[in-house]
Amino acid sequence: MVRDAQGNELSGATAEGAALYDRAVRALTLSYGDAVGTFEAARQAAPGCPMAHIGKAWVLASANDAVLVKGALPLIAEARALWPGDRERSHLKALERAVEGDRSGVLAVLDPHLMHHPRDLIAHYAAMIAAAFSGRFSSVRDRSARALPAWSKDDASYGILLSFYGFGLEESGDYEKAEAVSREAADREPYGYWPHHAVSHVMEMTGRPRDGLKWMDERAPLWSEKDNVSRTHIWWHKALFHVELGEAEEALAIYDRPIRELQRPVSIALTNGAALLWRLEALGLDCSDRWRAQADLWRGRADGRHSLFSDIHAVMATVRADQTAELEALLASMRATALSGAASAADYRDIGLPLVDGLVAFTRGAYADAVAHLLPPRHHLSRIGGSYAQRDVIDWTLTEAALRAGMKDVATALANERLALRPESRPNKSFLARAQALAA
């Protein structure tokens, strides 16, 4: 029986197909290299191998994109027709949940699966992405901790699983350990996206923007080249460090050059530009000419059903670009999902719709209404998915809305809360000074 690099059986694989599969798994889990193309090569070399089809399906199903996820369906069908074994059937069951947007269902399948197959690296990746967009990012810590004893530090790709553990620690708030683990993982896998990303998050969450810029600048050749598939998000983090230092123009320059140049019409990538422009406009920069290009790239990528995280960012772009028809179509689909029997219906109803109503009200200058919409769901934001750093755009908007509405008590409370987390943040200091200057 042919086995993959982690020792899992690859039924129907040839030696060539297995080698290509291993390269594709590394490309996907490192976010470095052409995972789609390499999985396709594995499919051609070993068409009878279910995991070759499953691997490519996971790339598409994990992109949070309404168009790409449909491409996973024929791959699932091809794998199912090959009489897959137990491991492969678990993957297929999880994939079926993923294409439905049921990320809790994905975890319900993959959590026990990984107890039996702790060295199934692609399953760890799929579970991490599902956790990221179902409000359970901290579960990555526990899932990785359970599996690491089954690995040796000499194993190929040990550093990748270690990097997942580091990111799970960061999203659990264990910043000191997260930084130590992620730095070790970065040493083991210098081109890996996840360890570099985790350290960036630690710097963001602990209010160390200068350390963050130093970390990025020292390692720029390792994360900024064309094979680094997720480098746009690292540029986004670098822009946030400039924002925290009060250097909004420097952040906008990052948007105008690397982020804008690297943008492609895929939801998981487009969220970076939308979230950055939204923050910069709240700081007073004129970004109006940039929003139409953003909204045009979003067209068709968010459908109001598959990814609440993507839908919220698409709303930012369409409302700021004044694309009324596209906005109304997206909102109508979100409302239909909220009333449906979908697994995500409650999230759309209780969290998503109030948030988008708040964002629309904010854009239209109805600041008190924005506060009324954004304040109730703010302690349940994990349900929209993404990291703490990504979801902070909502609290940022809420604080700015309270200030513009003249709501002194609310604005002061929110500013104090933000400063307690990042006391050196220039925007947070500005929030408090403006709140204190409001008439009682």
Protein backbone atom coordinates (compact mmCIF):
# COMPACT_ATOMS: atom_id res chain seq x y z
CA MET A 1 0.00 0.00 0.00
CA VAL A 2 1.33 3.41 -0.96
CA ARG A 3 1.44 5.89 1.92
CA ASP A 4 1.72 9.66 2.15
CA ALA A 5 4.53 11.53 3.88
CA GLN A 6 2.74 11.29 7.24
CA GLY A 7 2.20 7.52 6.94
CA ASN A 8 -1.48 7.54 5.97
CA GLU A 9 -2.63 5.03 3.36
CA LEU A 10 -3.26 6.42 -0.13
CA SER A 11 -5.52 3.90 -1.80
CA GLY A 12 -5.31 3.87 -5.59
CA ALA A 13 -2.12 5.95 -5.63
CA THR A 14 0.93 5.41 -7.79
CA ALA A 15 4.39 6.36 -6.61
CA GLU A 16 4.27 9.43 -8.85
CA GLY A 17 0.79 10.34 -7.68
CA ALA A 18 1.78 10.00 -4.03
CA ALA A 19 4.82 12.25 -4.49
CA LEU A 20 2.67 14.89 -6.17
CA TYR A 21 0.02 14.55 -3.47
CA ASP A 22 2.63 15.14 -0.75
CA ARG A 23 3.91 18.23 -2.56
CA ALA A 24 0.36 19.53 -2.89
CA VAL A 25 -0.43 18.98 0.80
CA ARG A 26 2.70 20.91 1.76
CA ALA A 27 1.81 23.71 -0.64
CA LEU A 28 -1.68 23.97 0.83
CA THR A 29 -0.71 23.77 4.48
CA LEU A 30 2.27 26.11 4.09
CA SER A 31 0.32 28.47 1.81
CA TYR A 32 3.40 28.36 -0.38
CA GLY A 33 3.26 27.13 -3.96
CA ASP A 34 0.56 25.98 -6.36
CA ALA A 35 -1.64 23.62 -4.36
CA VAL A 36 -4.45 23.55 -6.96
CA GLY A 37 -2.12 22.79 -9.85
CA THR A 38 -0.17 20.17 -7.93
CA PHE A 39 -3.30 18.39 -6.72
CA GLU A 40 -4.50 18.40 -10.33
CA ALA A 41 -1.21 16.82 -11.39
CA ALA A 42 -1.70 14.18 -8.68
CA ARG A 43 -5.20 13.51 -10.01
CA GLN A 44 -3.82 12.98 -13.49
CA ALA A 45 -1.00 10.75 -12.27
CA ALA A 46 -3.30 8.68 -10.02
CA PRO A 47 -6.94 9.07 -11.12
CA GLY A 48 -7.90 6.10 -8.95
CA CYS A 49 -6.69 7.80 -5.75
CA PRO A 50 -9.63 9.35 -3.83
CA MET A 51 -7.38 11.59 -1.73
CA ALA A 52 -5.99 13.30 -4.83
CA HIS A 53 -9.51 14.45 -5.72
CA ILE A 54 -10.33 15.21 -2.08
CA GLY A 55 -7.22 17.34 -1.67
CA LYS A 56 -8.13 19.61 -4.58
CA ALA A 57 -11.71 19.79 -3.29
CA TRP A 58 -10.45 21.04 0.09
CA VAL A 59 -8.53 23.87 -1.58
CA LEU A 60 -11.72 25.10 -3.24
CA ALA A 61 -14.07 24.45 -0.33
CA SER A 62 -11.79 26.31 2.10
CA ALA A 63 -11.65 29.55 0.10
CA ASN A 64 -14.90 31.01 1.53
CA ASP A 65 -15.83 31.92 -2.02
CA ALA A 66 -19.29 31.36 -3.48
CA VAL A 67 -17.87 30.57 -6.93
CA LEU A 68 -14.90 28.38 -6.00
CA VAL A 69 -16.84 26.20 -3.59
CA LYS A 70 -19.00 24.95 -6.48
CA GLY A 71 -15.87 23.57 -8.10
CA ALA A 72 -15.50 21.12 -5.23
CA LEU A 73 -18.73 19.30 -6.09
CA PRO A 74 -17.53 17.27 -9.13
CA LEU A 75 -14.33 16.39 -7.28
CA ILE A 76 -16.35 15.02 -4.37
CA ALA A 77 -18.41 12.96 -6.82
CA GLU A 78 -15.28 11.57 -8.49
CA ALA A 79 -13.76 10.55 -5.16
CA ARG A 80 -16.99 8.94 -3.98
CA ALA A 81 -17.18 6.84 -7.15
CA LEU A 82 -13.84 5.22 -6.30
CA TRP A 83 -15.15 3.18 -3.35
CA PRO A 84 -13.20 5.13 -0.73
CA GLY A 85 -12.08 3.70 2.61
CA ASP A 86 -12.93 4.91 6.11
CA ARG A 87 -10.44 7.79 6.18
CA GLU A 88 -11.55 9.04 2.79
CA ARG A 89 -15.23 8.71 3.66
CA SER A 90 -14.67 10.97 6.67
CA HIS A 91 -13.13 13.58 4.39
CA LEU A 92 -16.02 13.32 1.95
CA LYS A 93 -18.57 13.68 4.69
CA ALA A 94 -16.77 16.77 5.99
CA LEU A 95 -16.48 18.21 2.48
CA GLU A 96 -20.20 17.83 1.94
CA ARG A 97 -20.77 19.92 5.07
CA ALA A 98 -18.21 22.46 3.88
CA VAL A 99 -19.85 23.12 0.53
CA GLU A 100 -23.12 23.69 2.37
CA GLY A 101 -21.46 26.32 4.55
CA ASP A 102 -21.96 24.12 7.63
CA ARG A 103 -18.60 24.58 9.33
CA SER A 104 -19.81 23.23 12.65
CA GLY A 105 -20.74 20.09 10.74
CA VAL A 106 -17.22 19.94 9.30
CA LEU A 107 -15.76 20.01 12.81
CA ALA A 108 -18.24 17.42 14.05
CA VAL A 109 -16.78 15.04 11.46
CA LEU A 110 -13.10 15.98 11.58
CA ASP A 111 -12.64 16.23 15.35
CA PRO A 112 -13.23 12.50 15.98
CA HIS A 113 -11.55 11.67 12.66
CA LEU A 114 -8.33 13.31 13.88
CA MET A 115 -8.43 11.34 17.11
CA HIS A 116 -8.09 8.23 14.96
CA HIS A 117 -5.80 9.83 12.36
CA PRO A 118 -3.67 12.37 14.26
CA ARG A 119 -1.13 12.48 11.42
CA ASP A 120 -3.65 13.46 8.74
CA LEU A 121 -2.19 16.88 7.94
CA ILE A 122 -4.77 17.93 5.36
CA ALA A 123 -7.55 17.11 7.83
CA HIS A 124 -5.86 19.34 10.41
CA TYR A 125 -5.79 22.13 7.85
CA ALA A 126 -9.44 21.67 6.85
CA ALA A 127 -10.51 21.62 10.50
CA MET A 128 -8.51 24.78 11.20
CA ILE A 129 -10.19 26.67 8.36
CA ALA A 130 -13.63 25.45 9.45
CA ALA A 131 -12.86 26.55 13.00
CA ALA A 132 -11.63 29.92 11.76
CA PHE A 133 -14.95 30.72 10.15
CA SER A 134 -17.31 29.23 12.70
CA GLY A 135 -16.13 31.13 15.76
CA ARG A 136 -14.03 28.28 17.13
CA PHE A 137 -10.49 29.33 16.25
CA SER A 138 -9.30 28.49 19.76
CA SER A 139 -10.18 24.83 19.16
CA VAL A 140 -7.17 24.65 16.83
CA ARG A 141 -5.01 24.77 19.94
CA ASP A 142 -6.63 21.69 21.46
CA ARG A 143 -6.82 19.71 18.24
CA SER A 144 -3.13 20.26 17.55
CA ALA A 145 -2.14 19.56 21.16
CA ARG A 146 -3.87 16.20 20.99
CA ALA A 147 -2.02 15.26 17.82
CA LEU A 148 1.52 16.54 18.37
CA PRO A 149 2.59 13.61 20.61
CA ALA A 150 1.90 11.31 17.65
CA TRP A 151 4.51 13.21 15.62
CA SER A 152 8.29 13.31 15.91
CA LYS A 153 10.17 16.58 15.64
CA ASP A 154 12.14 14.88 12.87
CA ASP A 155 8.99 14.24 10.82
CA ALA A 156 8.50 16.05 7.56
CA SER A 157 6.01 18.87 8.08
CA TYR A 158 6.17 18.68 11.90
CA GLY A 159 6.75 22.43 11.80
CA ILE A 160 3.48 22.92 9.91
CA LEU A 161 1.39 21.24 12.59
CA LEU A 162 3.37 23.15 15.21
CA SER A 163 2.45 26.38 13.41
CA PHE A 164 -1.24 25.46 13.60
CA TYR A 165 -0.81 24.95 17.33
CA GLY A 166 0.84 28.36 17.64
CA PHE A 167 -2.04 30.08 15.90
CA GLY A 168 -4.55 28.27 18.07
CA LEU A 169 -2.66 29.45 21.16
CA GLU A 170 -2.76 33.04 19.89
CA GLU A 171 -6.51 32.98 19.26
CA SER A 172 -6.92 31.50 22.76
CA GLY A 173 -5.13 34.52 24.24
CA ASP A 174 -1.99 32.66 25.34
CA TYR A 175 0.25 35.19 23.63
CA GLU A 176 3.58 34.40 25.29
CA LYS A 177 3.41 30.70 24.50
CA ALA A 178 1.95 31.41 21.05
CA GLU A 179 4.93 33.58 20.16
CA ALA A 180 7.48 31.02 21.38
CA VAL A 181 5.81 28.13 19.57
CA SER A 182 5.30 30.11 16.37
CA ARG A 183 8.88 31.35 16.28
CA GLU A 184 10.06 27.75 16.58
CA ALA A 185 7.69 26.75 13.78
CA ALA A 186 9.00 29.64 11.65
CA ASP A 187 12.54 28.38 12.15
CA ARG A 188 11.47 24.92 11.01
CA GLU A 189 9.37 26.14 8.08
CA PRO A 190 10.78 29.57 7.13
CA TYR A 191 8.48 29.95 4.12
CA GLY A 192 5.40 28.91 6.08
CA TYR A 193 2.57 31.42 6.22
CA TRP A 194 0.98 30.29 9.48
CA PRO A 195 3.92 30.77 11.89
CA HIS A 196 4.75 34.18 10.44
CA HIS A 197 1.07 35.06 10.59
CA ALA A 198 0.72 33.93 14.21
CA VAL A 199 3.64 36.07 15.39
CA SER A 200 2.12 39.04 13.53
CA HIS A 201 -1.13 38.47 15.41
CA VAL A 202 0.68 38.31 18.74
CA MET A 203 2.30 41.67 17.98
CA GLU A 204 -1.08 43.13 17.03
CA MET A 205 -2.95 41.80 20.03
CA THR A 206 -0.28 42.83 22.55
CA GLY A 207 0.11 46.35 21.16
CA ARG A 208 3.64 45.98 19.77
CA PRO A 209 3.42 47.52 16.29
CA ARG A 210 7.08 48.50 16.08
CA ASP A 211 8.12 44.95 16.96
CA GLY A 212 5.65 43.78 14.34
CA LEU A 213 7.16 45.92 11.62
CA LYS A 214 10.65 44.76 12.61
CA TRP A 215 9.55 41.11 12.46
CA MET A 216 8.08 41.61 8.99
CA ASP A 217 10.95 43.62 7.58
CA GLU A 218 13.56 41.12 8.76
CA ARG A 219 11.66 38.24 7.16
CA ALA A 220 10.28 39.99 4.07
CA PRO A 221 12.06 37.70 1.55
CA LEU A 222 10.39 34.71 3.22
CA TRP A 223 6.78 35.96 3.00
CA SER A 224 6.53 38.48 0.17
CA GLU A 225 7.52 36.54 -2.96
CA LYS A 226 5.09 35.24 -5.57
CA ASP A 227 5.03 31.66 -4.21
CA ASN A 228 3.68 32.97 -0.89
CA VAL A 229 0.01 32.56 -1.71
CA SER A 230 -1.32 34.47 1.31
CA ARG A 231 1.14 37.37 1.25
CA THR A 232 -1.69 39.88 0.73
CA HIS A 233 -2.88 39.18 4.26
CA ILE A 234 0.60 39.73 5.66
CA TRP A 235 0.70 43.09 3.88
CA TRP A 236 -2.64 43.82 5.55
CA HIS A 237 -1.09 43.11 8.95
CA LYS A 238 1.82 45.40 8.12
CA ALA A 239 -0.66 48.15 7.21
CA LEU A 240 -2.43 47.65 10.56
CA PHE A 241 0.83 48.20 12.42
CA HIS A 242 1.17 51.54 10.64
CA VAL A 243 -2.44 52.36 11.56
CA GLU A 244 -1.72 51.66 15.22
CA LEU A 245 1.27 54.00 15.05
CA GLY A 246 -0.90 56.76 13.60
CA GLU A 247 0.70 56.38 10.17
CA ALA A 248 -2.44 56.18 8.07
CA GLU A 249 -0.79 57.47 4.90
CA GLU A 250 1.81 54.69 5.09
CA ALA A 251 -1.01 52.17 5.48
CA LEU A 252 -2.82 53.60 2.46
CA ALA A 253 0.40 53.36 0.45
CA ILE A 254 0.50 49.62 1.24
CA TYR A 255 -3.07 49.33 -0.04
CA ASP A 256 -2.28 51.26 -3.21
CA ARG A 257 0.77 49.19 -4.09
CA PRO A 258 1.15 45.60 -2.88
CA ILE A 259 -2.42 44.95 -1.78
CA ARG A 260 -4.08 46.52 -4.80
CA GLU A 261 -1.59 44.87 -7.18
CA LEU A 262 -2.08 41.44 -5.60
CA GLN A 263 -5.87 41.55 -5.28
CA ARG A 264 -7.68 38.83 -7.15
CA PRO A 265 -11.38 38.00 -7.24
CA VAL A 266 -11.39 35.46 -4.40
CA SER A 267 -13.34 36.25 -1.23
CA ILE A 268 -10.71 35.20 1.28
CA ALA A 269 -8.23 37.61 -0.37
CA LEU A 270 -10.64 40.49 -0.99
CA THR A 271 -11.54 40.83 2.68
CA ASN A 272 -8.11 42.38 3.30
CA GLY A 273 -8.64 45.38 1.06
CA ALA A 274 -12.20 46.03 2.19
CA ALA A 275 -11.33 45.93 5.90
CA LEU A 276 -8.30 48.19 5.46
CA LEU A 277 -10.09 50.83 3.39
CA TRP A 278 -12.96 50.85 5.89
CA ARG A 279 -10.60 51.62 8.77
CA LEU A 280 -8.70 54.26 6.82
CA GLU A 281 -11.86 56.09 5.84
CA ALA A 282 -12.94 56.12 9.48
CA LEU A 283 -9.61 57.85 10.19
CA GLY A 284 -10.53 60.56 7.72
CA LEU A 285 -8.74 59.50 4.53
CA ASP A 286 -10.61 59.81 1.24
CA CYS A 287 -10.76 56.32 -0.29
CA SER A 288 -13.80 56.90 -2.49
CA ASP A 289 -12.04 56.27 -5.81
CA ARG A 290 -10.78 52.89 -4.59
CA TRP A 291 -14.10 51.38 -3.52
CA ARG A 292 -15.55 50.82 -6.99
CA ALA A 293 -12.60 48.63 -7.99
CA GLN A 294 -13.08 46.72 -4.73
CA ALA A 295 -16.79 46.25 -5.32
CA ASP A 296 -16.25 45.14 -8.91
CA LEU A 297 -13.90 42.40 -7.74
CA TRP A 298 -16.46 41.26 -5.17
CA ARG A 299 -19.22 40.82 -7.75
CA GLY A 300 -20.52 37.25 -7.52
CA ARG A 301 -17.96 36.16 -4.90
CA ALA A 302 -20.31 36.54 -1.91
CA ASP A 303 -23.77 35.01 -2.12
CA GLY A 304 -25.39 35.65 1.27
CA ARG A 305 -25.42 31.95 2.04
CA HIS A 306 -21.99 30.38 2.22
CA SER A 307 -19.76 32.66 4.31
CA LEU A 308 -21.03 35.32 6.69
CA PHE A 309 -17.49 36.67 7.08
CA SER A 310 -17.17 37.21 3.33
CA ASP A 311 -20.67 38.64 3.03
CA ILE A 312 -20.00 41.32 5.65
CA HIS A 313 -16.86 42.47 3.83
CA ALA A 314 -18.70 42.43 0.50
CA VAL A 315 -21.32 44.71 2.07
CA MET A 316 -18.56 47.14 3.04
CA ALA A 317 -17.41 47.35 -0.56
CA THR A 318 -20.81 47.57 -2.24
CA VAL A 319 -22.25 50.15 0.16
CA ARG A 320 -19.17 52.38 -0.08
CA ALA A 321 -19.14 52.06 -3.89
CA ASP A 322 -22.83 52.99 -3.89
CA GLN A 323 -23.72 49.88 -5.87
CA THR A 324 -27.29 49.83 -4.69
CA ALA A 325 -28.58 46.93 -6.81
CA GLU A 326 -25.71 44.63 -5.80
CA LEU A 327 -26.12 45.60 -2.14
CA GLU A 328 -29.84 44.93 -2.12
CA ALA A 329 -29.40 41.56 -3.85
CA LEU A 330 -26.80 40.49 -1.27
CA LEU A 331 -28.94 41.67 1.64
CA ALA A 332 -31.98 39.86 0.23
CA SER A 333 -30.00 36.62 0.04
CA MET A 334 -28.73 37.08 3.60
CA ARG A 335 -32.30 37.63 4.82
CA ALA A 336 -33.44 34.50 2.99
CA THR A 337 -30.65 32.49 4.64
CA ALA A 338 -31.65 33.87 8.05
CA LEU A 339 -35.18 32.54 7.50
CA SER A 340 -34.09 29.19 6.07
CA GLY A 341 -33.28 25.86 7.65
CA ALA A 342 -29.57 26.24 6.89
CA ALA A 343 -27.05 25.48 9.63
CA SER A 344 -25.93 29.12 9.47
CA ALA A 345 -29.44 30.62 9.68
CA ALA A 346 -29.16 31.73 13.31
CA ASP A 347 -25.79 33.39 12.70
CA TYR A 348 -27.19 35.36 9.79
CA ARG A 349 -30.32 36.29 11.73
CA ASP A 350 -28.81 37.19 15.10
CA ILE A 351 -25.37 38.49 14.11
CA GLY A 352 -25.00 39.06 10.38
CA LEU A 353 -28.07 41.13 9.59
CA PRO A 354 -27.69 43.49 12.57
CA LEU A 355 -24.04 44.01 11.62
CA VAL A 356 -24.73 44.84 7.99
CA ASP A 357 -27.61 47.11 9.01
CA GLY A 358 -25.13 48.90 11.26
CA LEU A 359 -22.51 49.22 8.52
CA VAL A 360 -25.08 50.58 6.07
CA ALA A 361 -26.38 53.05 8.65
CA PHE A 362 -22.84 54.20 9.39
CA THR A 363 -22.12 54.83 5.71
CA ARG A 364 -25.33 56.81 5.34
CA GLY A 365 -24.55 59.01 8.34
CA ALA A 366 -27.19 57.55 10.66
CA TYR A 367 -24.67 57.12 13.47
CA ALA A 368 -27.09 56.60 16.36
CA ASP A 369 -28.82 53.88 14.33
CA ALA A 370 -25.43 52.31 13.62
CA VAL A 371 -24.73 52.13 17.36
CA ALA A 372 -28.14 50.60 17.98
CA HIS A 373 -27.46 47.88 15.41
CA LEU A 374 -23.81 47.17 16.26
CA LEU A 375 -23.86 47.26 20.05
CA PRO A 376 -26.06 44.18 20.81
CA PRO A 377 -24.11 41.57 18.76
CA ARG A 378 -20.59 42.81 19.58
CA HIS A 379 -19.91 40.12 22.20
CA HIS A 380 -20.90 37.37 19.76
CA LEU A 381 -18.69 38.46 16.88
CA SER A 382 -16.72 35.20 16.89
CA ARG A 383 -19.71 33.64 15.15
CA ILE A 384 -18.98 35.57 11.95
CA GLY A 385 -15.57 33.90 11.75
CA GLY A 386 -12.11 35.34 11.29
CA SER A 387 -9.58 36.34 13.93
CA TYR A 388 -9.83 38.86 16.75
CA ALA A 389 -7.77 41.28 14.66
CA GLN A 390 -10.09 40.93 11.67
CA ARG A 391 -13.29 41.30 13.68
CA ASP A 392 -11.98 44.43 15.37
CA VAL A 393 -13.22 46.44 12.38
CA ILE A 394 -16.71 46.10 13.87
CA ASP A 395 -15.75 47.49 17.28
CA TRP A 396 -13.75 50.21 15.52
CA THR A 397 -16.86 51.20 13.56
CA LEU A 398 -19.03 51.09 16.68
CA THR A 399 -16.68 53.39 18.58
CA GLU A 400 -16.48 55.85 15.69
CA ALA A 401 -20.26 55.79 15.30
CA ALA A 402 -20.75 56.56 19.00
CA LEU A 403 -18.37 59.51 18.69
CA ARG A 404 -20.09 60.90 15.61
CA ALA A 405 -23.49 60.45 17.26
CA GLY A 406 -22.30 62.49 20.27
CA MET A 407 -22.91 59.56 22.63
CA LYS A 408 -20.31 60.55 25.24
CA ASP A 409 -20.85 57.73 27.73
CA VAL A 410 -20.86 54.97 25.12
CA ALA A 411 -17.88 56.41 23.24
CA THR A 412 -15.88 56.87 26.45
CA ALA A 413 -16.61 53.34 27.63
CA LEU A 414 -15.61 51.82 24.29
CA ALA A 415 -12.45 53.94 24.05
CA ASN A 416 -11.40 52.94 27.56
CA GLU A 417 -11.97 49.30 26.70
CA ARG A 418 -9.80 49.59 23.59
CA LEU A 419 -7.02 51.42 25.43
CA ALA A 420 -6.89 48.73 28.11
CA LEU A 421 -5.92 46.25 25.38
CA ARG A 422 -3.61 48.52 23.36
CA PRO A 423 -2.59 51.47 25.53
CA GLU A 424 -0.08 52.85 23.00
CA SER A 425 -2.44 52.78 20.03
CA ARG A 426 -2.70 56.21 18.44
CA PRO A 427 -6.26 55.62 17.15
CA ASN A 428 -7.36 54.42 20.59
CA LYS A 429 -5.86 57.49 22.24
CA SER A 430 -7.67 59.64 19.70
CA PHE A 431 -10.95 57.85 20.41
CA LEU A 432 -10.67 58.68 24.12
CA ALA A 433 -9.62 62.30 23.58
CA ARG A 434 -12.54 62.88 21.22
CA ALA A 435 -14.96 61.17 23.63
CA GLN A 436 -13.80 63.34 26.52
CA ALA A 437 -14.26 66.46 24.39
CA LEU A 438 -17.94 65.69 23.75
CA ALA A 439 -20.51 67.72 25.59
CA ALA A 440 -22.02 65.87 28.53
